[in-house]
Amino acid sequence: MADKEKWGGNMTVIAYESETVKKTSGVQTSEKRLYVSSLPTGTPALGSLVRNHWLIESMHWPLDFNLLQDRIKRKSAKAARNPDSIQRRVHSVFSICKVLRKKAV
């Protein structure tokens, strides 16, 4: 393993299987994801750690994909608050409009 010191001697591969059902069509999909962690294999609740990560990422991904949030250069933490707040509000409005548009059809 390269750079073993950075991992603290531990490297755990986590295989996580998820099943989802699309609400609109009822189609069920299954997906297997692999994660690499520096936590020991016997760490309790590795699955909870993965789920918590995706709770955050599922909010961040649309902001980055639709509004290119990661490409914005910020000079300070305080300067980042305003654009981030505005982008979250814009994303919320887009999400609401998308739901209303589907209901109108």
PDB file of N, CA and C in Angstrom:
ATOM      1  N   MET A   1       0.845  -1.172   0.000  1.00  0.00           N
ATOM      2  CA  MET A   1       0.000   0.000   0.000  1.00  0.00           C
ATOM      3  C   MET A   1       0.894   1.240   0.000  1.00  0.00           C
ATOM      4  N   ALA A   2       0.606   2.166  -0.887  1.00  0.00           N
ATOM      5  CA  ALA A   2       1.381   3.401  -0.976  1.00  0.00           C
ATOM      6  C   ALA A   2       1.036   4.318   0.193  1.00  0.00           C
ATOM      7  N   ASP A   3       2.011   5.033   0.697  1.00  0.00           N
ATOM      8  CA  ASP A   3       1.814   6.007   1.784  1.00  0.00           C
ATOM      9  C   ASP A   3       1.101   5.399   2.986  1.00  0.00           C
ATOM     10  N   LYS A   4       1.577   4.244   3.428  1.00  0.00           N
ATOM     11  CA  LYS A   4       0.934   3.533   4.529  1.00  0.00           C
ATOM     12  C   LYS A   4       0.874   4.382   5.804  1.00  0.00           C
ATOM     13  N   GLU A   5       1.853   5.259   5.993  1.00  0.00           N
ATOM     14  CA  GLU A   5       1.872   6.088   7.204  1.00  0.00           C
ATOM     15  C   GLU A   5       0.664   7.026   7.254  1.00  0.00           C
ATOM     16  N   LYS A   6       0.239   7.518   6.092  1.00  0.00           N
ATOM     17  CA  LYS A   6      -0.910   8.430   6.048  1.00  0.00           C
ATOM     18  C   LYS A   6      -2.192   7.735   6.500  1.00  0.00           C
ATOM     19  N   TRP A   7      -2.259   6.439   6.329  1.00  0.00           N
ATOM     20  CA  TRP A   7      -3.456   5.687   6.702  1.00  0.00           C
ATOM     21  C   TRP A   7      -3.386   5.171   8.135  1.00  0.00           C
ATOM     22  N   GLY A   8      -2.302   5.433   8.825  1.00  0.00           N
ATOM     23  CA  GLY A   8      -2.173   4.967  10.201  1.00  0.00           C
ATOM     24  C   GLY A   8      -2.073   3.457  10.294  1.00  0.00           C
ATOM     25  N   GLY A   9      -1.659   2.813   9.215  1.00  0.00           N
ATOM     26  CA  GLY A   9      -1.519   1.363   9.206  1.00  0.00           C
ATOM     27  C   GLY A   9      -2.808   0.625   8.914  1.00  0.00           C
ATOM     28  N   ASN A  10      -3.929   1.308   8.891  1.00  0.00           N
ATOM     29  CA  ASN A  10      -5.224   0.670   8.631  1.00  0.00           C
ATOM     30  C   ASN A  10      -5.724   1.038   7.241  1.00  0.00           C
ATOM     31  N   MET A  11      -6.269   0.070   6.561  1.00  0.00           N
ATOM     32  CA  MET A  11      -6.969   0.335   5.313  1.00  0.00           C
ATOM     33  C   MET A  11      -8.086  -0.686   5.206  1.00  0.00           C
ATOM     34  N   THR A  12      -9.303  -0.197   5.298  1.00  0.00           N
ATOM     35  CA  THR A  12     -10.467  -1.050   5.239  1.00  0.00           C
ATOM     36  C   THR A  12     -11.258  -0.722   3.983  1.00  0.00           C
ATOM     37  N   VAL A  13     -11.640  -1.746   3.253  1.00  0.00           N
ATOM     38  CA  VAL A  13     -12.508  -1.562   2.095  1.00  0.00           C
ATOM     39  C   VAL A  13     -13.909  -1.936   2.539  1.00  0.00           C
ATOM     40  N   ILE A  14     -14.836  -1.004   2.358  1.00  0.00           N
ATOM     41  CA  ILE A  14     -16.216  -1.208   2.773  1.00  0.00           C
ATOM     42  C   ILE A  14     -17.058  -1.428   1.518  1.00  0.00           C
ATOM     43  N   ALA A  15     -17.758  -2.542   1.455  1.00  0.00           N
ATOM     44  CA  ALA A  15     -18.691  -2.806   0.357  1.00  0.00           C
ATOM     45  C   ALA A  15     -20.087  -2.503   0.882  1.00  0.00           C
ATOM     46  N   TYR A  16     -20.765  -1.590   0.220  1.00  0.00           N
ATOM     47  CA  TYR A  16     -22.081  -1.133   0.671  1.00  0.00           C
ATOM     48  C   TYR A  16     -23.086  -1.365  -0.444  1.00  0.00           C
ATOM     49  N   GLU A  17     -24.127  -2.129  -0.165  1.00  0.00           N
ATOM     50  CA  GLU A  17     -25.164  -2.385  -1.161  1.00  0.00           C
ATOM     51  C   GLU A  17     -26.409  -1.593  -0.789  1.00  0.00           C
ATOM     52  N   SER A  18     -26.950  -0.900  -1.776  1.00  0.00           N
ATOM     53  CA  SER A  18     -28.166  -0.128  -1.520  1.00  0.00           C
ATOM     54  C   SER A  18     -29.234  -0.517  -2.535  1.00  0.00           C
ATOM     55  N   GLU A  19     -30.458  -0.500  -2.076  1.00  0.00           N
ATOM     56  CA  GLU A  19     -31.604  -0.762  -2.943  1.00  0.00           C
ATOM     57  C   GLU A  19     -32.524   0.441  -2.848  1.00  0.00           C
ATOM     58  N   THR A  20     -32.959   0.928  -3.991  1.00  0.00           N
ATOM     59  CA  THR A  20     -33.858   2.074  -4.018  1.00  0.00           C
ATOM     60  C   THR A  20     -35.057   1.762  -4.903  1.00  0.00           C
ATOM     61  N   VAL A  21     -36.162   2.407  -4.593  1.00  0.00           N
ATOM     62  CA  VAL A  21     -37.376   2.277  -5.390  1.00  0.00           C
ATOM     63  C   VAL A  21     -37.759   3.682  -5.841  1.00  0.00           C
ATOM     64  N   LYS A  22     -37.835   3.886  -7.150  1.00  0.00           N
ATOM     65  CA  LYS A  22     -38.217   5.185  -7.682  1.00  0.00           C
ATOM     66  C   LYS A  22     -39.703   5.397  -7.432  1.00  0.00           C
ATOM     67  N   LYS A  23     -40.041   6.492  -6.752  1.00  0.00           N
ATOM     68  CA  LYS A  23     -41.423   6.737  -6.342  1.00  0.00           C
ATOM     69  C   LYS A  23     -42.375   6.868  -7.529  1.00  0.00           C
ATOM     70  N   THR A  24     -41.905   7.500  -8.595  1.00  0.00           N
ATOM     71  CA  THR A  24     -42.816   7.769  -9.718  1.00  0.00           C
ATOM     72  C   THR A  24     -43.155   6.534 -10.524  1.00  0.00           C
ATOM     73  N   SER A  25     -42.179   5.624 -10.680  1.00  0.00           N
ATOM     74  CA  SER A  25     -42.419   4.460 -11.538  1.00  0.00           C
ATOM     75  C   SER A  25     -42.461   3.136 -10.784  1.00  0.00           C
ATOM     76  N   GLY A  26     -41.964   3.120  -9.546  1.00  0.00           N
ATOM     77  CA  GLY A  26     -41.925   1.882  -8.782  1.00  0.00           C
ATOM     78  C   GLY A  26     -40.783   0.955  -9.171  1.00  0.00           C
ATOM     79  N   VAL A  27     -39.881   1.432 -10.039  1.00  0.00           N
ATOM     80  CA  VAL A  27     -38.746   0.617 -10.482  1.00  0.00           C
ATOM     81  C   VAL A  27     -37.734   0.503  -9.337  1.00  0.00           C
ATOM     82  N   GLN A  28     -37.319  -0.733  -9.063  1.00  0.00           N
ATOM     83  CA  GLN A  28     -36.361  -0.991  -8.000  1.00  0.00           C
ATOM     84  C   GLN A  28     -34.984  -1.203  -8.609  1.00  0.00           C
ATOM     85  N   THR A  29     -33.970  -0.533  -8.025  1.00  0.00           N
ATOM     86  CA  THR A  29     -32.597  -0.707  -8.484  1.00  0.00           C
ATOM     87  C   THR A  29     -31.716  -1.097  -7.309  1.00  0.00           C
ATOM     88  N   SER A  30     -30.656  -1.793  -7.618  1.00  0.00           N
ATOM     89  CA  SER A  30     -29.688  -2.207  -6.618  1.00  0.00           C
ATOM     90  C   SER A  30     -28.313  -1.740  -7.071  1.00  0.00           C
ATOM     91  N   GLU A  31     -27.518  -1.268  -6.117  1.00  0.00           N
ATOM     92  CA  GLU A  31     -26.207  -0.735  -6.458  1.00  0.00           C
ATOM     93  C   GLU A  31     -25.208  -1.123  -5.381  1.00  0.00           C
ATOM     94  N   LYS A  32     -24.002  -1.466  -5.791  1.00  0.00           N
ATOM     95  CA  LYS A  32     -22.945  -1.798  -4.850  1.00  0.00           C
ATOM     96  C   LYS A  32     -21.867  -0.733  -4.958  1.00  0.00           C
ATOM     97  N   ARG A  33     -21.507  -0.147  -3.817  1.00  0.00           N
ATOM     98  CA  ARG A  33     -20.478   0.888  -3.774  1.00  0.00           C
ATOM     99  C   ARG A  33     -19.335   0.413  -2.897  1.00  0.00           C
ATOM    100  N   LEU A  34     -18.135   0.812  -3.272  1.00  0.00           N
ATOM    101  CA  LEU A  34     -16.950   0.472  -2.497  1.00  0.00           C
ATOM    102  C   LEU A  34     -16.338   1.745  -1.926  1.00  0.00           C
ATOM    103  N   TYR A  35     -15.946   1.692  -0.661  1.00  0.00           N
ATOM    104  CA  TYR A  35     -15.326   2.818   0.026  1.00  0.00           C
ATOM    105  C   TYR A  35     -14.026   2.343   0.647  1.00  0.00           C
ATOM    106  N   VAL A  36     -13.077   3.250   0.756  1.00  0.00           N
ATOM    107  CA  VAL A  36     -11.813   2.965   1.421  1.00  0.00           C
ATOM    108  C   VAL A  36     -11.759   3.828   2.668  1.00  0.00           C
ATOM    109  N   SER A  37     -11.383   3.231   3.781  1.00  0.00           N
ATOM    110  CA  SER A  37     -11.365   3.950   5.051  1.00  0.00           C
ATOM    111  C   SER A  37     -10.085   3.627   5.812  1.00  0.00           C
ATOM    112  N   SER A  38      -9.697   4.546   6.680  1.00  0.00           N
ATOM    113  CA  SER A  38      -8.555   4.293   7.560  1.00  0.00           C
ATOM    114  C   SER A  38      -9.018   3.729   8.898  1.00  0.00           C
ATOM    115  N   LEU A  39     -10.318   3.511   9.057  1.00  0.00           N
ATOM    116  CA  LEU A  39     -10.840   2.929  10.295  1.00  0.00           C
ATOM    117  C   LEU A  39     -10.562   1.430  10.323  1.00  0.00           C
ATOM    118  N   PRO A  40     -10.353   0.871  11.510  1.00  0.00           N
ATOM    119  CA  PRO A  40     -10.146  -0.577  11.603  1.00  0.00           C
ATOM    120  C   PRO A  40     -11.388  -1.344  11.154  1.00  0.00           C
ATOM    121  N   THR A  41     -11.191  -2.565  10.702  1.00  0.00           N
ATOM    122  CA  THR A  41     -12.283  -3.401  10.198  1.00  0.00           C
ATOM    123  C   THR A  41     -13.382  -3.608  11.232  1.00  0.00           C
ATOM    124  N   GLY A  42     -13.018  -3.747  12.491  1.00  0.00           N
ATOM    125  CA  GLY A  42     -13.993  -4.030  13.540  1.00  0.00           C
ATOM    126  C   GLY A  42     -14.757  -2.814  14.035  1.00  0.00           C
ATOM    127  N   THR A  43     -14.614  -1.666  13.404  1.00  0.00           N
ATOM    128  CA  THR A  43     -15.300  -0.451  13.846  1.00  0.00           C
ATOM    129  C   THR A  43     -16.807  -0.645  13.737  1.00  0.00           C
ATOM    130  N   PRO A  44     -17.541  -0.401  14.830  1.00  0.00           N
ATOM    131  CA  PRO A  44     -18.990  -0.566  14.746  1.00  0.00           C
ATOM    132  C   PRO A  44     -19.624   0.512  13.864  1.00  0.00           C
ATOM    133  N   ALA A  45     -20.691   0.136  13.212  1.00  0.00           N
ATOM    134  CA  ALA A  45     -21.527   1.064  12.436  1.00  0.00           C
ATOM    135  C   ALA A  45     -20.813   1.701  11.248  1.00  0.00           C
ATOM    136  N   LEU A  46     -20.014   0.923  10.521  1.00  0.00           N
ATOM    137  CA  LEU A  46     -19.403   1.460   9.303  1.00  0.00           C
ATOM    138  C   LEU A  46     -20.486   1.836   8.299  1.00  0.00           C
ATOM    139  N   GLY A  47     -21.574   1.084   8.267  1.00  0.00           N
ATOM    140  CA  GLY A  47     -22.691   1.397   7.375  1.00  0.00           C
ATOM    141  C   GLY A  47     -23.314   2.742   7.701  1.00  0.00           C
ATOM    142  N   SER A  48     -23.427   3.068   8.983  1.00  0.00           N
ATOM    143  CA  SER A  48     -23.972   4.367   9.378  1.00  0.00           C
ATOM    144  C   SER A  48     -23.071   5.506   8.922  1.00  0.00           C
ATOM    145  N   LEU A  49     -21.782   5.300   8.975  1.00  0.00           N
ATOM    146  CA  LEU A  49     -20.849   6.329   8.507  1.00  0.00           C
ATOM    147  C   LEU A  49     -21.039   6.589   7.016  1.00  0.00           C
ATOM    148  N   VAL A  50     -21.226   5.525   6.243  1.00  0.00           N
ATOM    149  CA  VAL A  50     -21.441   5.677   4.806  1.00  0.00           C
ATOM    150  C   VAL A  50     -22.750   6.411   4.545  1.00  0.00           C
ATOM    151  N   ARG A  51     -23.822   6.027   5.237  1.00  0.00           N
ATOM    152  CA  ARG A  51     -25.125   6.687   5.045  1.00  0.00           C
ATOM    153  C   ARG A  51     -25.064   8.155   5.427  1.00  0.00           C
ATOM    154  N   ASN A  52     -24.389   8.480   6.523  1.00  0.00           N
ATOM    155  CA  ASN A  52     -24.263   9.875   6.943  1.00  0.00           C
ATOM    156  C   ASN A  52     -23.484  10.690   5.921  1.00  0.00           C
ATOM    157  N   HIS A  53     -22.466  10.079   5.328  1.00  0.00           N
ATOM    158  CA  HIS A  53     -21.710  10.769   4.283  1.00  0.00           C
ATOM    159  C   HIS A  53     -22.625  11.125   3.122  1.00  0.00           C
ATOM    160  N   TRP A  54     -23.478  10.192   2.711  1.00  0.00           N
ATOM    161  CA  TRP A  54     -24.332  10.433   1.557  1.00  0.00           C
ATOM    162  C   TRP A  54     -25.476  11.380   1.875  1.00  0.00           C
ATOM    163  N   LEU A  55     -25.870  11.520   3.140  1.00  0.00           N
ATOM    164  CA  LEU A  55     -26.855  12.539   3.500  1.00  0.00           C
ATOM    165  C   LEU A  55     -26.320  13.923   3.149  1.00  0.00           C
ATOM    166  N   ILE A  56     -25.055  14.144   3.462  1.00  0.00           N
ATOM    167  CA  ILE A  56     -24.419  15.428   3.160  1.00  0.00           C
ATOM    168  C   ILE A  56     -24.173  15.550   1.667  1.00  0.00           C
ATOM    169  N   GLU A  57     -23.640  14.507   1.064  1.00  0.00           N
ATOM    170  CA  GLU A  57     -23.278  14.561  -0.355  1.00  0.00           C
ATOM    171  C   GLU A  57     -24.500  14.709  -1.252  1.00  0.00           C
ATOM    172  N   SER A  58     -25.630  14.133  -0.854  1.00  0.00           N
ATOM    173  CA  SER A  58     -26.823  14.242  -1.692  1.00  0.00           C
ATOM    174  C   SER A  58     -27.338  15.674  -1.747  1.00  0.00           C
ATOM    175  N   MET A  59     -27.019  16.487  -0.735  1.00  0.00           N
ATOM    176  CA  MET A  59     -27.365  17.900  -0.790  1.00  0.00           C
ATOM    177  C   MET A  59     -26.301  18.678  -1.580  1.00  0.00           C
ATOM    178  N   HIS A  60     -25.044  18.329  -1.382  1.00  0.00           N
ATOM    179  CA  HIS A  60     -23.955  19.074  -2.009  1.00  0.00           C
ATOM    180  C   HIS A  60     -23.866  18.817  -3.511  1.00  0.00           C
ATOM    181  N   TRP A  61     -24.115  17.599  -3.952  1.00  0.00           N
ATOM    182  CA  TRP A  61     -23.933  17.273  -5.363  1.00  0.00           C
ATOM    183  C   TRP A  61     -24.787  18.143  -6.294  1.00  0.00           C
ATOM    184  N   PRO A  62     -26.099  18.316  -6.045  1.00  0.00           N
ATOM    185  CA  PRO A  62     -26.874  19.171  -6.952  1.00  0.00           C
ATOM    186  C   PRO A  62     -26.383  20.617  -6.972  1.00  0.00           C
ATOM    187  N   LEU A  63     -25.921  21.104  -5.812  1.00  0.00           N
ATOM    188  CA  LEU A  63     -25.394  22.471  -5.774  1.00  0.00           C
ATOM    189  C   LEU A  63     -24.159  22.591  -6.656  1.00  0.00           C
ATOM    190  N   ASP A  64     -23.302  21.596  -6.595  1.00  0.00           N
ATOM    191  CA  ASP A  64     -22.092  21.647  -7.408  1.00  0.00           C
ATOM    192  C   ASP A  64     -22.401  21.385  -8.878  1.00  0.00           C
ATOM    193  N   PHE A  65     -23.252  20.417  -9.163  1.00  0.00           N
ATOM    194  CA  PHE A  65     -23.544  20.051 -10.550  1.00  0.00           C
ATOM    195  C   PHE A  65     -24.323  21.148 -11.266  1.00  0.00           C
ATOM    196  N   ASN A  66     -25.353  21.669 -10.630  1.00  0.00           N
ATOM    197  CA  ASN A  66     -26.218  22.660 -11.270  1.00  0.00           C
ATOM    198  C   ASN A  66     -25.686  24.088 -11.181  1.00  0.00           C
ATOM    199  N   LEU A  67     -25.066  24.428 -10.056  1.00  0.00           N
ATOM    200  CA  LEU A  67     -24.635  25.808  -9.838  1.00  0.00           C
ATOM    201  C   LEU A  67     -23.113  25.965  -9.789  1.00  0.00           C
ATOM    202  N   LEU A  68     -22.383  24.881 -10.076  1.00  0.00           N
ATOM    203  CA  LEU A  68     -20.908  24.891 -10.117  1.00  0.00           C
ATOM    204  C   LEU A  68     -20.302  25.475  -8.845  1.00  0.00           C
ATOM    205  N   GLN A  69     -20.829  25.086  -7.705  1.00  0.00           N
ATOM    206  CA  GLN A  69     -20.427  25.654  -6.432  1.00  0.00           C
ATOM    207  C   GLN A  69     -18.942  25.442  -6.127  1.00  0.00           C
ATOM    208  N   ASP A  70     -18.380  24.304  -6.483  1.00  0.00           N
ATOM    209  CA  ASP A  70     -16.977  24.039  -6.161  1.00  0.00           C
ATOM    210  C   ASP A  70     -16.005  24.895  -6.963  1.00  0.00           C
ATOM    211  N   ARG A  71     -16.453  25.487  -8.058  1.00  0.00           N
ATOM    212  CA  ARG A  71     -15.559  26.304  -8.891  1.00  0.00           C
ATOM    213  C   ARG A  71     -15.468  27.755  -8.438  1.00  0.00           C
ATOM    214  N   ILE A  72     -16.309  28.149  -7.495  1.00  0.00           N
ATOM    215  CA  ILE A  72     -16.300  29.529  -7.028  1.00  0.00           C
ATOM    216  C   ILE A  72     -15.106  29.722  -6.092  1.00  0.00           C
ATOM    217  N   LYS A  73     -14.312  30.729  -6.377  1.00  0.00           N
ATOM    218  CA  LYS A  73     -13.152  31.036  -5.531  1.00  0.00           C
ATOM    219  C   LYS A  73     -13.583  31.961  -4.410  1.00  0.00           C
ATOM    220  N   ARG A  74     -13.279  31.574  -3.193  1.00  0.00           N
ATOM    221  CA  ARG A  74     -13.635  32.369  -2.027  1.00  0.00           C
ATOM    222  C   ARG A  74     -12.369  32.807  -1.327  1.00  0.00           C
ATOM    223  N   LYS A  75     -12.340  34.063  -0.922  1.00  0.00           N
ATOM    224  CA  LYS A  75     -11.136  34.591  -0.282  1.00  0.00           C
ATOM    225  C   LYS A  75     -11.110  34.316   1.209  1.00  0.00           C
ATOM    226  N   SER A  76     -12.283  34.201   1.822  1.00  0.00           N
ATOM    227  CA  SER A  76     -12.327  33.933   3.264  1.00  0.00           C
ATOM    228  C   SER A  76     -13.597  33.160   3.590  1.00  0.00           C
ATOM    229  N   ALA A  77     -13.639  32.610   4.788  1.00  0.00           N
ATOM    230  CA  ALA A  77     -14.818  31.845   5.213  1.00  0.00           C
ATOM    231  C   ALA A  77     -16.045  32.742   5.294  1.00  0.00           C
ATOM    232  N   LYS A  78     -15.857  33.993   5.754  1.00  0.00           N
ATOM    233  CA  LYS A  78     -16.991  34.914   5.847  1.00  0.00           C
ATOM    234  C   LYS A  78     -17.522  35.262   4.465  1.00  0.00           C
ATOM    235  N   ALA A  79     -16.633  35.413   3.508  1.00  0.00           N
ATOM    236  CA  ALA A  79     -17.057  35.755   2.146  1.00  0.00           C
ATOM    237  C   ALA A  79     -17.812  34.601   1.502  1.00  0.00           C
ATOM    238  N   ALA A  80     -17.587  33.389   1.954  1.00  0.00           N
ATOM    239  CA  ALA A  80     -18.245  32.211   1.370  1.00  0.00           C
ATOM    240  C   ALA A  80     -19.693  32.078   1.813  1.00  0.00           C
ATOM    241  N   ARG A  81     -20.048  32.656   2.945  1.00  0.00           N
ATOM    242  CA  ARG A  81     -21.395  32.464   3.490  1.00  0.00           C
ATOM    243  C   ARG A  81     -22.486  33.031   2.583  1.00  0.00           C
ATOM    244  N   ASN A  82     -22.304  34.233   2.084  1.00  0.00           N
ATOM    245  CA  ASN A  82     -23.350  34.857   1.274  1.00  0.00           C
ATOM    246  C   ASN A  82     -23.635  34.087  -0.014  1.00  0.00           C
ATOM    247  N   PRO A  83     -22.627  33.806  -0.858  1.00  0.00           N
ATOM    248  CA  PRO A  83     -22.934  33.046  -2.082  1.00  0.00           C
ATOM    249  C   PRO A  83     -23.519  31.666  -1.785  1.00  0.00           C
ATOM    250  N   ASP A  84     -23.021  31.017  -0.744  1.00  0.00           N
ATOM    251  CA  ASP A  84     -23.547  29.693  -0.393  1.00  0.00           C
ATOM    252  C   ASP A  84     -25.019  29.774  -0.001  1.00  0.00           C
ATOM    253  N   SER A  85     -25.368  30.769   0.794  1.00  0.00           N
ATOM    254  CA  SER A  85     -26.770  30.939   1.203  1.00  0.00           C
ATOM    255  C   SER A  85     -27.653  31.216   0.000  1.00  0.00           C
ATOM    256  N   ILE A  86     -27.191  32.085  -0.882  1.00  0.00           N
ATOM    257  CA  ILE A  86     -27.967  32.408  -2.079  1.00  0.00           C
ATOM    258  C   ILE A  86     -28.131  31.179  -2.954  1.00  0.00           C
ATOM    259  N   GLN A  87     -27.051  30.421  -3.136  1.00  0.00           N
ATOM    260  CA  GLN A  87     -27.128  29.224  -3.977  1.00  0.00           C
ATOM    261  C   GLN A  87     -28.084  28.192  -3.397  1.00  0.00           C
ATOM    262  N   ARG A  88     -28.089  28.020  -2.097  1.00  0.00           N
ATOM    263  CA  ARG A  88     -29.018  27.062  -1.485  1.00  0.00           C
ATOM    264  C   ARG A  88     -30.460  27.490  -1.702  1.00  0.00           C
ATOM    265  N   ARG A  89     -30.718  28.781  -1.597  1.00  0.00           N
ATOM    266  CA  ARG A  89     -32.083  29.275  -1.832  1.00  0.00           C
ATOM    267  C   ARG A  89     -32.487  29.086  -3.291  1.00  0.00           C
ATOM    268  N   VAL A  90     -31.575  29.387  -4.210  1.00  0.00           N
ATOM    269  CA  VAL A  90     -31.857  29.192  -5.639  1.00  0.00           C
ATOM    270  C   VAL A  90     -32.147  27.724  -5.909  1.00  0.00           C
ATOM    271  N   HIS A  91     -31.339  26.845  -5.337  1.00  0.00           N
ATOM    272  CA  HIS A  91     -31.550  25.412  -5.523  1.00  0.00           C
ATOM    273  C   HIS A  91     -32.910  24.984  -4.977  1.00  0.00           C
ATOM    274  N   SER A  92     -33.305  25.527  -3.824  1.00  0.00           N
ATOM    275  CA  SER A  92     -34.615  25.199  -3.243  1.00  0.00           C
ATOM    276  C   SER A  92     -35.749  25.648  -4.155  1.00  0.00           C
ATOM    277  N   VAL A  93     -35.623  26.840  -4.702  1.00  0.00           N
ATOM    278  CA  VAL A  93     -36.662  27.342  -5.615  1.00  0.00           C
ATOM    279  C   VAL A  93     -36.754  26.453  -6.855  1.00  0.00           C
ATOM    280  N   PHE A  94     -35.604  26.087  -7.419  1.00  0.00           N
ATOM    281  CA  PHE A  94     -35.601  25.193  -8.584  1.00  0.00           C
ATOM    282  C   PHE A  94     -36.262  23.864  -8.253  1.00  0.00           C
ATOM    283  N   SER A  95     -35.961  23.321  -7.080  1.00  0.00           N
ATOM    284  CA  SER A  95     -36.538  22.034  -6.674  1.00  0.00           C
ATOM    285  C   SER A  95     -38.057  22.135  -6.539  1.00  0.00           C
ATOM    286  N   ILE A  96     -38.527  23.220  -5.929  1.00  0.00           N
ATOM    287  CA  ILE A  96     -39.971  23.411  -5.768  1.00  0.00           C
ATOM    288  C   ILE A  96     -40.642  23.556  -7.133  1.00  0.00           C
ATOM    289  N   CYS A  97     -40.027  24.352  -8.033  1.00  0.00           N
ATOM    290  CA  CYS A  97     -40.585  24.541  -9.379  1.00  0.00           C
ATOM    291  C   CYS A  97     -40.656  23.220 -10.134  1.00  0.00           C
ATOM    292  N   LYS A  98     -39.638  22.394  -9.963  1.00  0.00           N
ATOM    293  CA  LYS A  98     -39.616  21.101 -10.663  1.00  0.00           C
ATOM    294  C   LYS A  98     -40.765  20.208 -10.172  1.00  0.00           C
ATOM    295  N   VAL A  99     -41.000  20.203  -8.875  1.00  0.00           N
ATOM    296  CA  VAL A  99     -42.097  19.399  -8.313  1.00  0.00           C
ATOM    297  C   VAL A  99     -43.450  19.932  -8.790  1.00  0.00           C
ATOM    298  N   LEU A 100     -43.621  21.248  -8.769  1.00  0.00           N
ATOM    299  CA  LEU A 100     -44.888  21.838  -9.211  1.00  0.00           C
ATOM    300  C   LEU A 100     -45.135  21.589 -10.697  1.00  0.00           C
ATOM    301  N   ARG A 101     -44.071  21.638 -11.494  1.00  0.00           N
ATOM    302  CA  ARG A 101     -44.204  21.383 -12.927  1.00  0.00           C
ATOM    303  C   ARG A 101     -44.659  19.944 -13.186  1.00  0.00           C
ATOM    304  N   LYS A 102     -44.131  18.990 -12.424  1.00  0.00           N
ATOM    305  CA  LYS A 102     -44.533  17.589 -12.583  1.00  0.00           C
ATOM    306  C   LYS A 102     -45.989  17.380 -12.204  1.00  0.00           C
ATOM    307  N   LYS A 103     -46.444  18.079 -11.144  1.00  0.00           N
ATOM    308  CA  LYS A 103     -47.830  17.937 -10.714  1.00  0.00           C
ATOM    309  C   LYS A 103     -48.801  18.543 -11.710  1.00  0.00           C
ATOM    310  N   ALA A 104     -48.348  19.575 -12.426  1.00  0.00           N
ATOM    311  CA  ALA A 104     -49.235  20.259 -13.383  1.00  0.00           C
ATOM    312  C   ALA A 104     -49.445  19.429 -14.646  1.00  0.00           C
ATOM    313  N   VAL A 105     -48.526  18.526 -14.929  1.00  0.00           N
ATOM    314  CA  VAL A 105     -48.619  17.739 -16.167  1.00  0.00           C
ATOM    315  C   VAL A 105     -49.619  16.643 -16.051  1.00  0.00           C
TER     316      VAL A 105
END
